[in-house]
C-alpha cells in the first residue's frame, strides 16, 4: 500500500461500484488506520510520492478487480 496526498492522487481514484462494500467494511477501515499509523511513525505520514504533504489516501499497489477483491 501507499499513502498519497490530494495533489498526487487527483480525483481519478474513486471507488468502483464492485468495491464499495469492501471500502465500507470494518476490516478495510482497520487495515487503513493501521497503515496510516505505521506511516506516521516512520515519517510523520508524508505522501510517499512527493514527500512534502501529509498523505491521507491509502492506495493499493495491486489494482482491485472483481476477481481479487
C-alpha atoms as a PDB file:
ATOM      1  CA  UNK A   1       0.000   0.000   0.000  1.00  0.00           C
ATOM      2  CA  UNK A   2       0.999   3.613  -0.491  1.00  0.00           C
ATOM      3  CA  UNK A   3      -0.065   6.823   1.215  1.00  0.00           C
ATOM      4  CA  UNK A   4      -0.798   9.761  -1.126  1.00  0.00           C
ATOM      5  CA  UNK A   5      -1.715  13.425  -0.697  1.00  0.00           C
ATOM      6  CA  UNK A   6      -4.574  15.079  -2.611  1.00  0.00           C
ATOM      7  CA  UNK A   7      -2.293  16.525  -5.270  1.00  0.00           C
ATOM      8  CA  UNK A   8      -0.688  13.179  -6.122  1.00  0.00           C
ATOM      9  CA  UNK A   9      -3.973  11.274  -6.487  1.00  0.00           C
ATOM     10  CA  UNK A  10      -6.215  13.817  -8.185  1.00  0.00           C
ATOM     11  CA  UNK A  11      -9.849  12.783  -8.489  1.00  0.00           C
ATOM     12  CA  UNK A  12      -9.332   9.648 -10.569  1.00  0.00           C
ATOM     13  CA  UNK A  13      -9.210   7.142  -7.706  1.00  0.00           C
ATOM     14  CA  UNK A  14     -12.886   6.931  -6.895  1.00  0.00           C
ATOM     15  CA  UNK A  15     -14.047   3.500  -5.749  1.00  0.00           C
ATOM     16  CA  UNK A  16     -15.592   1.307  -8.403  1.00  0.00           C
ATOM     17  CA  UNK A  17     -19.093   0.043  -7.709  1.00  0.00           C
ATOM     18  CA  UNK A  18     -17.903  -3.553  -7.150  1.00  0.00           C
ATOM     19  CA  UNK A  19     -15.506  -2.351  -4.421  1.00  0.00           C
ATOM     20  CA  UNK A  20     -17.873  -0.174  -2.380  1.00  0.00           C
ATOM     21  CA  UNK A  21     -18.753  -2.912   0.135  1.00  0.00           C
ATOM     22  CA  UNK A  22     -15.044  -3.641   0.625  1.00  0.00           C
ATOM     23  CA  UNK A  23     -14.191   0.008   1.359  1.00  0.00           C
ATOM     24  CA  UNK A  24     -17.162   0.282   3.734  1.00  0.00           C
ATOM     25  CA  UNK A  25     -16.086  -2.802   5.689  1.00  0.00           C
ATOM     26  CA  UNK A  26     -14.661  -2.666   9.188  1.00  0.00           C
ATOM     27  CA  UNK A  27     -11.809  -4.869   8.030  1.00  0.00           C
ATOM     28  CA  UNK A  28     -10.655  -2.294   5.444  1.00  0.00           C
ATOM     29  CA  UNK A  29     -11.069   0.626   7.867  1.00  0.00           C
ATOM     30  CA  UNK A  30      -8.955  -1.200  10.472  1.00  0.00           C
ATOM     31  CA  UNK A  31      -6.266  -2.024   7.885  1.00  0.00           C
ATOM     32  CA  UNK A  32      -6.228   1.567   6.573  1.00  0.00           C
ATOM     33  CA  UNK A  33      -5.953   3.004  10.081  1.00  0.00           C
ATOM     34  CA  UNK A  34      -3.079   0.645  10.950  1.00  0.00           C
ATOM     35  CA  UNK A  35      -1.211   1.514   7.743  1.00  0.00           C
ATOM     36  CA  UNK A  36      -1.571   5.267   8.303  1.00  0.00           C
ATOM     37  CA  UNK A  37      -0.399   4.847  11.919  1.00  0.00           C
ATOM     38  CA  UNK A  38       2.653   2.942  10.687  1.00  0.00           C
ATOM     39  CA  UNK A  39       3.470   5.669   8.139  1.00  0.00           C
ATOM     40  CA  UNK A  40       3.081   8.367  10.812  1.00  0.00           C
ATOM     41  CA  UNK A  41       5.614   6.542  12.984  1.00  0.00           C
ATOM     42  CA  UNK A  42       8.046   6.291  10.047  1.00  0.00           C
ATOM     43  CA  UNK A  43       7.949   9.772   8.504  1.00  0.00           C
ATOM     44  CA  UNK A  44       5.079  11.693  10.072  1.00  0.00           C
ATOM     45  CA  UNK A  45       2.584  10.394   7.483  1.00  0.00           C
ATOM     46  CA  UNK A  46       4.024  12.161   4.460  1.00  0.00           C
ATOM     47  CA  UNK A  47       2.842  11.398   0.929  1.00  0.00           C
ATOM     48  CA  UNK A  48       5.045   8.584  -0.372  1.00  0.00           C
ATOM     49  CA  UNK A  49       5.380  10.222  -3.786  1.00  0.00           C
ATOM     50  CA  UNK A  50       6.030  13.920  -3.169  1.00  0.00           C
ATOM     51  CA  UNK A  51       7.362  13.601   0.421  1.00  0.00           C
ATOM     52  CA  UNK A  52       6.161  17.172   1.083  1.00  0.00           C
ATOM     53  CA  UNK A  53       2.488  16.995   2.100  1.00  0.00           C
ATOM     54  CA  UNK A  54       0.600  14.806   4.536  1.00  0.00           C
ATOM     55  CA  UNK A  55      -0.906  11.725   2.967  1.00  0.00           C
ATOM     56  CA  UNK A  56      -4.494  10.702   3.597  1.00  0.00           C
ATOM     57  CA  UNK A  57      -5.409   8.320   0.759  1.00  0.00           C
ATOM     58  CA  UNK A  58      -4.301   4.706   1.101  1.00  0.00           C
ATOM     59  CA  UNK A  59      -3.748   3.292  -2.378  1.00  0.00           C
ATOM     60  CA  UNK A  60      -3.290  -0.345  -3.376  1.00  0.00           C
ATOM     61  CA  UNK A  61      -0.105  -1.462  -5.061  1.00  0.00           C
ATOM     62  CA  UNK A  62      -2.196  -4.201  -6.708  1.00  0.00           C
ATOM     63  CA  UNK A  63      -5.242  -2.840  -8.558  1.00  0.00           C
ATOM     64  CA  UNK A  64      -8.518  -4.278  -7.285  1.00  0.00           C
ATOM     65  CA  UNK A  65     -10.716  -6.180  -9.688  1.00  0.00           C
ATOM     66  CA  UNK A  66     -13.987  -8.083  -9.179  1.00  0.00           C
ATOM     67  CA  UNK A  67     -11.891 -11.274  -9.213  1.00  0.00           C
ATOM     68  CA  UNK A  68      -9.369 -10.375  -6.488  1.00  0.00           C
ATOM     69  CA  UNK A  69     -11.414  -8.300  -4.071  1.00  0.00           C
END
